[in-house]
Amino acid sequence: MKKNYRNAFEALKKIGAPVFERSDLADKESFGISGEDNYPICWADYYEGSAYADCDDSGVNKKIVDILEKYGLHAEWDNPGSLSVWEE
């Protein structure tokens, strides 16, 4: 992973966000965030995330969004169970 991806990955792990390294991408630059591990904190919820005060309109926890933005990254839903992280 590039330095900005690795730094964001480590910062998210530090706060307990459900991140995982991607083995299914050819370039291996991105990492993933689970949308299925939301207890006791809602980290990302495709269907009801925007109903949580901690999440933005796309259903992603604002702490995740802030960390990703700090490193010039953003998350996109791959499917209702996971997000991929990409450069802006």
Protein backbone atom coordinates (compact mmCIF):
# COMPACT_ATOMS: atom_id res chain seq x y z
CA MET A 1 0.00 0.00 0.00
CA LYS A 2 1.08 3.56 -0.61
CA LYS A 3 2.01 5.58 2.45
CA ASN A 4 -1.28 7.54 2.64
CA TYR A 5 -3.32 4.32 2.44
CA ARG A 6 -1.16 2.61 5.08
CA ASN A 7 -1.34 5.63 7.42
CA ALA A 8 -5.13 5.80 7.10
CA PHE A 9 -5.42 2.03 7.54
CA GLU A 10 -3.35 2.14 10.74
CA ALA A 11 -5.25 5.18 12.09
CA LEU A 12 -8.58 3.44 11.49
CA LYS A 13 -7.36 0.24 13.14
CA LYS A 14 -6.28 2.30 16.12
CA ILE A 15 -9.83 3.58 16.70
CA GLY A 16 -11.29 0.08 16.25
CA ALA A 17 -12.80 0.53 12.78
CA PRO A 18 -13.34 -2.79 10.94
CA VAL A 19 -10.70 -2.41 8.21
CA PHE A 20 -9.21 -5.21 6.15
CA GLU A 21 -6.51 -5.55 3.49
CA ARG A 22 -7.83 -6.23 0.00
CA SER A 23 -6.61 -9.37 -1.72
CA ASP A 24 -9.19 -9.21 -4.49
CA LEU A 25 -7.83 -6.14 -6.30
CA ALA A 26 -5.15 -6.30 -8.96
CA ASP A 27 -3.28 -3.21 -7.74
CA LYS A 28 -3.53 -4.03 -4.01
CA GLU A 29 -3.48 -0.28 -3.24
CA SER A 30 -6.87 -0.05 -1.63
CA PHE A 31 -8.16 -1.48 1.62
CA GLY A 32 -11.66 -2.27 2.74
CA ILE A 33 -14.01 -1.30 5.54
CA SER A 34 -16.64 -3.75 6.68
CA GLY A 35 -20.25 -2.66 6.70
CA GLU A 36 -21.20 -5.70 8.75
CA ASP A 37 -19.32 -5.15 12.02
CA ASN A 38 -21.39 -2.46 13.73
CA TYR A 39 -21.54 -3.36 17.37
CA PRO A 40 -21.24 -1.49 19.67
CA ILE A 41 -20.42 1.35 17.24
CA CYS A 42 -22.01 1.85 13.84
CA TRP A 43 -18.99 2.15 11.53
CA ALA A 44 -20.79 1.80 8.21
CA ASP A 45 -24.33 0.74 7.40
CA TYR A 46 -25.56 0.76 3.80
CA TYR A 47 -29.25 0.60 4.66
CA GLU A 48 -29.72 2.56 7.88
CA GLY A 49 -26.40 4.28 8.56
CA SER A 50 -27.69 7.78 7.90
CA ALA A 51 -30.13 7.29 10.79
CA TYR A 52 -27.20 7.15 13.23
CA ALA A 53 -25.90 10.45 14.61
CA ASP A 54 -22.31 9.21 14.17
CA CYS A 55 -22.73 8.54 10.44
CA ASP A 56 -22.91 10.81 7.41
CA ASP A 57 -25.57 10.71 4.68
CA SER A 58 -23.86 7.79 2.96
CA GLY A 59 -23.98 5.72 6.14
CA VAL A 60 -20.26 5.95 7.00
CA ASN A 61 -19.09 6.91 10.48
CA LYS A 62 -17.83 10.50 10.53
CA LYS A 63 -14.62 9.42 12.29
CA ILE A 64 -13.80 7.22 9.30
CA VAL A 65 -14.60 10.03 6.87
CA ASP A 66 -12.39 12.49 8.78
CA ILE A 67 -9.42 10.12 8.86
CA LEU A 68 -9.74 9.27 5.19
CA GLU A 69 -9.97 12.95 4.23
CA LYS A 70 -6.85 13.69 6.27
CA TYR A 71 -4.92 11.34 3.97
CA GLY A 72 -6.60 12.42 0.72
CA LEU A 73 -8.83 9.34 0.53
CA HIS A 74 -12.54 8.52 0.41
CA ALA A 75 -14.68 5.40 0.71
CA GLU A 76 -17.15 4.00 -1.81
CA TRP A 77 -19.63 1.20 -1.25
CA ASP A 78 -18.72 -1.97 -3.19
CA ASN A 79 -21.86 -3.70 -1.98
CA PRO A 80 -24.01 -3.42 1.16
CA GLY A 81 -21.36 -5.31 3.16
CA SER A 82 -18.16 -3.43 2.40
CA LEU A 83 -16.51 -0.25 1.23
CA SER A 84 -13.30 0.27 -0.72
CA VAL A 85 -10.98 3.17 -0.06
CA TRP A 86 -9.60 5.27 -2.92
CA GLU A 87 -7.69 8.48 -3.50
CA GLU A 88 -9.80 11.55 -4.09
